[in-house]
Amino acid sequence: MKDKLISLVSGVIFGVGLVISGMTNPEKVIGFLSITHNWDASLMFVMGGAILVAGPFFFLLKNKETSALGNQINLPKNQKIDNKIIVGSALFGIGWGLVGLCPGPAIAAVATFDPIAIVFLISMAVGVLAKKNIVK
């Protein structure tokens, strides 16, 4: 139960950070991805801040086998870049560029009852279910 509570608190903090930084606003993300109009560099600073905070922890804890709560850490062993990774990354990037949302900010935006975020999440769920049923 303790790990679920910590996960919930971490998720809420992450969501609040996304809302405060404006990353739940699709126009802000599309403004960053647009190189022909008024470019908005703020997403780069949000990403840079996240890397500065998380990076040292990834470096210091990369060889740990258990979390602070005693749970086993299972990182993927396969580091091969295959067609699934390439196609999945391309689809993610195309969707992010077209809509201005990715899963984390979309979930946070649901709290504001943003219709775009709700349609995005429903579409994402349909895509996940389709992938599960089509590709086995």
C-alpha atoms as a PDB file:
ATOM      1  CA  MET A   1       0.000   0.000   0.000  1.00  0.00           C
ATOM      2  CA  LYS A   2       2.890   2.331   0.792  1.00  0.00           C
ATOM      3  CA  ASP A   3       4.266   2.070  -2.765  1.00  0.00           C
ATOM      4  CA  LYS A   4       0.839   2.862  -4.243  1.00  0.00           C
ATOM      5  CA  LEU A   5       0.565   5.980  -2.075  1.00  0.00           C
ATOM      6  CA  ILE A   6       4.029   7.134  -3.117  1.00  0.00           C
ATOM      7  CA  SER A   7       3.126   6.483  -6.778  1.00  0.00           C
ATOM      8  CA  LEU A   8      -0.067   8.519  -6.377  1.00  0.00           C
ATOM      9  CA  VAL A   9       1.738  11.443  -4.742  1.00  0.00           C
ATOM     10  CA  SER A  10       4.472  11.329  -7.417  1.00  0.00           C
ATOM     11  CA  GLY A  11       1.854  11.305 -10.182  1.00  0.00           C
ATOM     12  CA  VAL A  12      -0.010  14.244  -8.659  1.00  0.00           C
ATOM     13  CA  ILE A  13       3.234  16.238  -8.329  1.00  0.00           C
ATOM     14  CA  PHE A  14       4.097  15.403 -11.951  1.00  0.00           C
ATOM     15  CA  GLY A  15       0.618  16.416 -13.127  1.00  0.00           C
ATOM     16  CA  VAL A  16       0.707  19.692 -11.197  1.00  0.00           C
ATOM     17  CA  GLY A  17       4.115  20.415 -12.734  1.00  0.00           C
ATOM     18  CA  LEU A  18       2.739  19.795 -16.217  1.00  0.00           C
ATOM     19  CA  VAL A  19      -0.194  22.135 -15.588  1.00  0.00           C
ATOM     20  CA  ILE A  20       1.985  24.886 -14.056  1.00  0.00           C
ATOM     21  CA  SER A  21       4.484  24.692 -16.932  1.00  0.00           C
ATOM     22  CA  GLY A  22       1.684  24.880 -19.501  1.00  0.00           C
ATOM     23  CA  MET A  23       2.526  21.519 -21.056  1.00  0.00           C
ATOM     24  CA  THR A  24      -1.137  20.468 -20.953  1.00  0.00           C
ATOM     25  CA  ASN A  25      -1.849  23.272 -23.421  1.00  0.00           C
ATOM     26  CA  PRO A  26      -1.575  21.835 -26.954  1.00  0.00           C
ATOM     27  CA  GLU A  27      -0.864  25.289 -28.431  1.00  0.00           C
ATOM     28  CA  LYS A  28       2.290  25.546 -26.310  1.00  0.00           C
ATOM     29  CA  VAL A  29       3.618  22.214 -27.584  1.00  0.00           C
ATOM     30  CA  ILE A  30       2.676  22.966 -31.192  1.00  0.00           C
ATOM     31  CA  GLY A  31       4.369  26.363 -30.773  1.00  0.00           C
ATOM     32  CA  PHE A  32       7.563  24.543 -29.801  1.00  0.00           C
ATOM     33  CA  LEU A  33       7.319  22.151 -32.744  1.00  0.00           C
ATOM     34  CA  SER A  34       6.584  24.944 -35.242  1.00  0.00           C
ATOM     35  CA  ILE A  35       9.724  26.283 -36.873  1.00  0.00           C
ATOM     36  CA  THR A  36       7.938  28.525 -39.358  1.00  0.00           C
ATOM     37  CA  HIS A  37       5.870  30.678 -37.001  1.00  0.00           C
ATOM     38  CA  ASN A  38       6.496  32.209 -33.582  1.00  0.00           C
ATOM     39  CA  TRP A  39       8.685  29.551 -32.009  1.00  0.00           C
ATOM     40  CA  ASP A  40       8.024  28.937 -28.289  1.00  0.00           C
ATOM     41  CA  ALA A  41      11.192  27.657 -26.574  1.00  0.00           C
ATOM     42  CA  SER A  42       9.562  27.148 -23.167  1.00  0.00           C
ATOM     43  CA  LEU A  43       9.145  23.385 -23.685  1.00  0.00           C
ATOM     44  CA  MET A  44      12.909  23.111 -24.089  1.00  0.00           C
ATOM     45  CA  PHE A  45      13.382  24.733 -20.673  1.00  0.00           C
ATOM     46  CA  VAL A  46      10.817  22.417 -19.065  1.00  0.00           C
ATOM     47  CA  MET A  47      12.599  19.382 -20.565  1.00  0.00           C
ATOM     48  CA  GLY A  48      15.995  20.765 -19.560  1.00  0.00           C
ATOM     49  CA  GLY A  49      14.802  21.303 -15.988  1.00  0.00           C
ATOM     50  CA  ALA A  50      13.494  17.751 -15.831  1.00  0.00           C
ATOM     51  CA  ILE A  51      16.786  16.366 -17.143  1.00  0.00           C
ATOM     52  CA  LEU A  52      18.793  18.428 -14.632  1.00  0.00           C
ATOM     53  CA  VAL A  53      16.705  17.074 -11.754  1.00  0.00           C
ATOM     54  CA  ALA A  54      16.371  13.439 -12.878  1.00  0.00           C
ATOM     55  CA  GLY A  55      19.723  12.934 -14.627  1.00  0.00           C
ATOM     56  CA  PRO A  56      21.932  12.713 -11.538  1.00  0.00           C
ATOM     57  CA  PHE A  57      19.552  10.197  -9.941  1.00  0.00           C
ATOM     58  CA  PHE A  58      19.615   7.969 -13.034  1.00  0.00           C
ATOM     59  CA  PHE A  59      23.428   8.092 -12.976  1.00  0.00           C
ATOM     60  CA  LEU A  60      23.775   7.449  -9.237  1.00  0.00           C
ATOM     61  CA  LEU A  61      21.143   4.710  -9.067  1.00  0.00           C
ATOM     62  CA  LYS A  62      21.768   2.933 -12.381  1.00  0.00           C
ATOM     63  CA  ASN A  63      23.187  -0.200 -10.733  1.00  0.00           C
ATOM     64  CA  LYS A  64      20.578  -0.570  -7.985  1.00  0.00           C
ATOM     65  CA  GLU A  65      18.502  -3.726  -8.048  1.00  0.00           C
ATOM     66  CA  THR A  66      15.815  -2.643  -5.560  1.00  0.00           C
ATOM     67  CA  SER A  67      13.936   0.601  -5.009  1.00  0.00           C
ATOM     68  CA  ALA A  68      13.863   2.559  -1.745  1.00  0.00           C
ATOM     69  CA  LEU A  69      10.649   0.660  -0.925  1.00  0.00           C
ATOM     70  CA  GLY A  70      12.309  -2.711  -1.513  1.00  0.00           C
ATOM     71  CA  ASN A  71      10.664  -3.443  -4.880  1.00  0.00           C
ATOM     72  CA  GLN A  72      12.798  -5.086  -7.548  1.00  0.00           C
ATOM     73  CA  ILE A  73      13.802  -2.777 -10.409  1.00  0.00           C
ATOM     74  CA  ASN A  74      13.331  -4.516 -13.764  1.00  0.00           C
ATOM     75  CA  LEU A  75      14.895  -2.550 -16.586  1.00  0.00           C
ATOM     76  CA  PRO A  76      14.715  -3.848 -20.161  1.00  0.00           C
ATOM     77  CA  LYS A  77      17.764  -5.872 -21.163  1.00  0.00           C
ATOM     78  CA  ASN A  78      17.163  -5.576 -24.925  1.00  0.00           C
ATOM     79  CA  GLN A  79      18.653  -2.368 -26.301  1.00  0.00           C
ATOM     80  CA  LYS A  80      18.312  -3.321 -29.964  1.00  0.00           C
ATOM     81  CA  ILE A  81      16.644  -0.757 -32.224  1.00  0.00           C
ATOM     82  CA  ASP A  82      14.178  -2.658 -34.388  1.00  0.00           C
ATOM     83  CA  ASN A  83      11.219  -1.824 -36.653  1.00  0.00           C
ATOM     84  CA  LYS A  84       8.761  -1.810 -33.729  1.00  0.00           C
ATOM     85  CA  ILE A  85      10.777   0.909 -31.973  1.00  0.00           C
ATOM     86  CA  ILE A  86      11.140   2.975 -35.151  1.00  0.00           C
ATOM     87  CA  VAL A  87       7.463   2.735 -36.176  1.00  0.00           C
ATOM     88  CA  GLY A  88       6.231   3.300 -32.615  1.00  0.00           C
ATOM     89  CA  SER A  89       8.476   6.339 -32.171  1.00  0.00           C
ATOM     90  CA  ALA A  90       7.372   7.769 -35.504  1.00  0.00           C
ATOM     91  CA  LEU A  91       3.670   7.301 -34.670  1.00  0.00           C
ATOM     92  CA  PHE A  92       4.201   8.881 -31.244  1.00  0.00           C
ATOM     93  CA  GLY A  93       5.994  11.869 -32.776  1.00  0.00           C
ATOM     94  CA  ILE A  94       3.405  12.341 -35.518  1.00  0.00           C
ATOM     95  CA  GLY A  95       0.563  12.216 -32.995  1.00  0.00           C
ATOM     96  CA  TRP A  96       2.366  14.597 -30.653  1.00  0.00           C
ATOM     97  CA  GLY A  97       3.012  17.039 -33.467  1.00  0.00           C
ATOM     98  CA  LEU A  98      -0.528  16.912 -34.847  1.00  0.00           C
ATOM     99  CA  VAL A  99      -2.390  17.200 -31.547  1.00  0.00           C
ATOM    100  CA  GLY A 100       0.158  18.816 -29.225  1.00  0.00           C
ATOM    101  CA  LEU A 101      -0.370  16.233 -26.489  1.00  0.00           C
ATOM    102  CA  CYS A 102       1.403  13.121 -25.331  1.00  0.00           C
ATOM    103  CA  PRO A 103      -0.023  10.666 -22.774  1.00  0.00           C
ATOM    104  CA  GLY A 104       1.229  12.302 -19.552  1.00  0.00           C
ATOM    105  CA  PRO A 105       0.007  15.827 -20.264  1.00  0.00           C
ATOM    106  CA  ALA A 106      -3.223  14.452 -21.761  1.00  0.00           C
ATOM    107  CA  ILE A 107      -4.015  12.621 -18.518  1.00  0.00           C
ATOM    108  CA  ALA A 108      -3.233  15.772 -16.530  1.00  0.00           C
ATOM    109  CA  ALA A 109      -5.413  17.844 -18.903  1.00  0.00           C
ATOM    110  CA  VAL A 110      -8.410  15.582 -18.219  1.00  0.00           C
ATOM    111  CA  ALA A 111      -8.597  17.244 -14.797  1.00  0.00           C
ATOM    112  CA  THR A 112      -9.504  20.480 -16.608  1.00  0.00           C
ATOM    113  CA  PHE A 113     -12.184  18.663 -18.678  1.00  0.00           C
ATOM    114  CA  ASP A 114     -10.407  19.693 -21.873  1.00  0.00           C
ATOM    115  CA  PRO A 115     -12.405  18.061 -24.720  1.00  0.00           C
ATOM    116  CA  ILE A 116      -9.274  17.701 -26.880  1.00  0.00           C
ATOM    117  CA  ALA A 117      -7.516  15.744 -24.120  1.00  0.00           C
ATOM    118  CA  ILE A 118     -10.533  13.501 -23.584  1.00  0.00           C
ATOM    119  CA  VAL A 119     -10.816  12.712 -27.318  1.00  0.00           C
ATOM    120  CA  PHE A 120      -7.045  12.148 -27.436  1.00  0.00           C
ATOM    121  CA  LEU A 121      -7.139   9.673 -24.534  1.00  0.00           C
ATOM    122  CA  ILE A 122     -10.090   7.781 -26.012  1.00  0.00           C
ATOM    123  CA  SER A 123      -8.278   7.601 -29.369  1.00  0.00           C
ATOM    124  CA  MET A 124      -5.094   6.458 -27.638  1.00  0.00           C
ATOM    125  CA  ALA A 125      -7.004   3.726 -25.773  1.00  0.00           C
ATOM    126  CA  VAL A 126      -8.582   2.535 -29.037  1.00  0.00           C
ATOM    127  CA  GLY A 127      -5.125   2.443 -30.636  1.00  0.00           C
ATOM    128  CA  VAL A 128      -3.670   0.442 -27.743  1.00  0.00           C
ATOM    129  CA  LEU A 129      -6.545  -2.031 -27.860  1.00  0.00           C
ATOM    130  CA  ALA A 130      -6.263  -2.328 -31.652  1.00  0.00           C
ATOM    131  CA  LYS A 131      -2.529  -2.965 -31.411  1.00  0.00           C
ATOM    132  CA  LYS A 132      -3.102  -5.625 -28.747  1.00  0.00           C
ATOM    133  CA  ASN A 133      -5.668  -7.413 -30.890  1.00  0.00           C
ATOM    134  CA  ILE A 134      -3.926  -7.021 -34.268  1.00  0.00           C
ATOM    135  CA  VAL A 135      -0.227  -7.484 -33.435  1.00  0.00           C
ATOM    136  CA  LYS A 136       0.523 -10.454 -31.211  1.00  0.00           C
END
